[in-house]
Amino acid sequence: MLISTIKRHVLLLLLPTYTASCLSQFICR
């Protein structure tokens, strides 16, 4: 239970960063 919750929080935290980096790379390109 705890591990799945942590995974969910990690995904929620990493997703915006991942999309932001992809967008910045796309814009910089």
N, C-alpha and C. Protein backbone atom coordinates (compact mmCIF):
# COMPACT_ATOMS: atom_id res chain seq x y z
N MET A 1 0.83 -1.20 0.00
CA MET A 1 0.00 0.00 0.00
C MET A 1 0.88 1.26 0.00
N LEU A 2 1.81 1.31 0.94
CA LEU A 2 2.65 2.51 1.07
C LEU A 2 3.49 2.72 -0.18
N ILE A 3 4.04 1.63 -0.72
CA ILE A 3 4.91 1.74 -1.89
C ILE A 3 4.13 2.26 -3.09
N SER A 4 2.93 1.78 -3.27
CA SER A 4 2.12 2.24 -4.41
C SER A 4 1.79 3.72 -4.26
N THR A 5 1.53 4.14 -3.03
CA THR A 5 1.24 5.56 -2.79
C THR A 5 2.45 6.41 -3.11
N ILE A 6 3.63 5.94 -2.68
CA ILE A 6 4.86 6.69 -2.95
C ILE A 6 5.10 6.76 -4.46
N LYS A 7 4.88 5.64 -5.14
CA LYS A 7 5.07 5.63 -6.59
C LYS A 7 4.15 6.64 -7.26
N ARG A 8 2.91 6.70 -6.77
CA ARG A 8 1.95 7.63 -7.36
C ARG A 8 2.41 9.07 -7.16
N HIS A 9 2.89 9.39 -5.95
CA HIS A 9 3.36 10.75 -5.67
C HIS A 9 4.58 11.08 -6.51
N VAL A 10 5.48 10.10 -6.66
CA VAL A 10 6.68 10.33 -7.47
C VAL A 10 6.29 10.60 -8.91
N LEU A 11 5.33 9.84 -9.43
CA LEU A 11 4.89 10.05 -10.81
C LEU A 11 4.27 11.43 -10.96
N LEU A 12 3.45 11.83 -9.98
CA LEU A 12 2.80 13.14 -10.05
C LEU A 12 3.83 14.26 -9.99
N LEU A 13 4.94 14.02 -9.25
CA LEU A 13 5.96 15.05 -9.14
C LEU A 13 6.84 15.09 -10.38
N LEU A 14 7.11 13.91 -10.97
CA LEU A 14 8.03 13.85 -12.11
C LEU A 14 7.34 14.24 -13.42
N LEU A 15 6.05 13.97 -13.54
CA LEU A 15 5.36 14.23 -14.80
C LEU A 15 5.45 15.69 -15.23
N PRO A 16 5.14 16.66 -14.37
CA PRO A 16 5.24 18.08 -14.79
C PRO A 16 6.67 18.44 -15.17
N THR A 17 7.66 17.94 -14.43
CA THR A 17 9.05 18.24 -14.75
C THR A 17 9.41 17.66 -16.11
N TYR A 18 8.97 16.44 -16.36
CA TYR A 18 9.26 15.78 -17.63
C TYR A 18 8.63 16.53 -18.80
N THR A 19 7.37 16.88 -18.65
CA THR A 19 6.68 17.60 -19.73
C THR A 19 7.29 18.99 -19.92
N ALA A 20 7.68 19.63 -18.83
CA ALA A 20 8.28 20.97 -18.92
C ALA A 20 9.60 20.89 -19.67
N SER A 21 10.42 19.89 -19.37
CA SER A 21 11.71 19.75 -20.05
C SER A 21 11.47 19.45 -21.53
N CYS A 22 10.50 18.62 -21.84
CA CYS A 22 10.19 18.31 -23.25
C CYS A 22 9.73 19.58 -23.96
N LEU A 23 8.90 20.38 -23.30
CA LEU A 23 8.41 21.61 -23.92
C LEU A 23 9.55 22.60 -24.11
N SER A 24 10.41 22.72 -23.11
CA SER A 24 11.52 23.67 -23.22
C SER A 24 12.46 23.25 -24.34
N GLN A 25 12.72 21.95 -24.46
CA GLN A 25 13.58 21.46 -25.54
C GLN A 25 12.92 21.75 -26.89
N PHE A 26 11.62 21.52 -26.97
CA PHE A 26 10.89 21.75 -28.21
C PHE A 26 10.93 23.24 -28.59
N ILE A 27 10.76 24.10 -27.58
CA ILE A 27 10.74 25.55 -27.83
C ILE A 27 12.15 26.03 -28.19
N CYS A 28 13.15 25.54 -27.45
CA CYS A 28 14.54 25.95 -27.72
C CYS A 28 14.96 25.49 -29.12
N ARG A 29 14.46 24.36 -29.54
CA ARG A 29 14.84 23.85 -30.84
C ARG A 29 14.19 24.71 -31.92
